[in-house]
Amino acid sequence: MTEDLRSSFAEVCARYEATLDAFETDRDHAHLLMSYPPKVALLKLVMSMKTISVLRIRPHNWTEVTRALWGITSGPLPML
């Protein structure tokens, strides 16, 4: 999962001419240090990071992600 996130975040950074300077994950969250040009709105960069990570991680249906986000371990995922 960590490598999926890292590659997703690196892809978004490349789109925005930003660099992913440091990245690490903890049990239930990630820490990122990025450099980005002043022409990029931080909100747009962060929203792109969040969107791409959900689109890449959610389809895997990992139990630990489902449990951490929704507190359930079986059945269909709730609709967002």
Protein backbone atom coordinates (compact mmCIF):
# COMPACT_ATOMS: atom_id res chain seq x y z
CA MET A 1 0.00 0.00 0.00
CA THR A 2 2.83 2.40 0.84
CA GLU A 3 4.39 2.05 -2.60
CA ASP A 4 1.00 2.56 -4.28
CA LEU A 5 0.59 5.80 -2.33
CA ARG A 6 4.14 6.93 -3.04
CA SER A 7 3.77 6.41 -6.80
CA SER A 8 0.35 8.11 -6.81
CA PHE A 9 1.67 11.14 -4.95
CA ALA A 10 4.75 11.32 -7.19
CA GLU A 11 2.50 11.27 -10.25
CA VAL A 12 0.42 14.17 -8.92
CA CYS A 13 3.57 16.11 -8.05
CA ALA A 14 4.84 15.67 -11.61
CA ARG A 15 1.57 17.08 -12.98
CA TYR A 16 1.96 20.20 -10.86
CA GLU A 17 5.73 20.63 -11.31
CA ALA A 18 6.16 19.80 -7.62
CA THR A 19 8.56 17.40 -5.93
CA LEU A 20 7.86 14.84 -3.25
CA ASP A 21 10.85 15.50 -0.98
CA ALA A 22 9.95 13.07 1.81
CA PHE A 23 7.24 10.49 2.33
CA GLU A 24 6.51 8.02 5.11
CA THR A 25 3.46 6.21 6.35
CA ASP A 26 2.28 5.45 9.83
CA ARG A 27 -0.35 2.92 10.80
CA ASP A 28 -3.29 5.08 9.70
CA HIS A 29 -1.87 8.14 7.92
CA ALA A 30 0.92 9.47 5.74
CA HIS A 31 3.44 12.29 6.13
CA LEU A 32 4.51 14.20 3.03
CA LEU A 33 7.02 16.97 2.50
CA MET A 34 6.60 18.61 -0.89
CA SER A 35 8.07 21.54 -2.75
CA TYR A 36 5.79 23.24 -5.24
CA PRO A 37 5.99 26.35 -7.41
CA PRO A 38 4.18 29.49 -6.24
CA LYS A 39 1.85 29.38 -9.25
CA VAL A 40 0.21 26.21 -7.85
CA ALA A 41 -2.63 26.63 -5.39
CA LEU A 42 -1.91 24.45 -2.36
CA LEU A 43 -5.58 23.50 -2.05
CA LYS A 44 -5.64 22.19 -5.62
CA LEU A 45 -2.49 20.14 -5.05
CA VAL A 46 -3.82 18.62 -1.80
CA MET A 47 -7.23 17.83 -3.30
CA SER A 48 -5.53 16.11 -6.24
CA MET A 49 -3.42 14.06 -3.81
CA LYS A 50 -6.47 12.99 -1.85
CA THR A 51 -8.51 12.17 -4.96
CA ILE A 52 -5.84 10.09 -6.68
CA SER A 53 -5.00 8.19 -3.49
CA VAL A 54 -8.65 7.22 -2.95
CA LEU A 55 -9.07 6.19 -6.58
CA ARG A 56 -5.95 3.99 -6.42
CA ILE A 57 -6.34 2.48 -2.93
CA ARG A 58 -10.08 1.90 -2.52
CA PRO A 59 -10.51 -0.64 -5.37
CA HIS A 60 -8.04 -2.98 -3.63
CA ASN A 61 -10.60 -3.48 -0.83
CA TRP A 62 -7.86 -3.93 1.78
CA THR A 63 -9.38 -4.98 5.10
CA GLU A 64 -7.13 -2.70 7.16
CA VAL A 65 -8.16 0.34 5.10
CA THR A 66 -11.85 -0.51 5.30
CA ARG A 67 -11.61 -1.03 9.05
CA ALA A 68 -9.67 2.21 9.62
CA LEU A 69 -11.96 4.35 7.50
CA TRP A 70 -15.38 2.85 8.15
CA GLY A 71 -14.99 0.48 11.09
CA ILE A 72 -16.34 -2.51 9.16
CA THR A 73 -14.64 -5.69 8.06
CA SER A 74 -17.12 -7.36 5.70
CA GLY A 75 -19.88 -6.57 3.28
CA PRO A 76 -19.99 -3.84 0.67
CA LEU A 77 -18.20 -0.57 1.22
CA PRO A 78 -20.42 2.36 2.09
CA MET A 79 -21.16 4.86 -0.67
CA LEU A 80 -19.35 8.18 -0.35
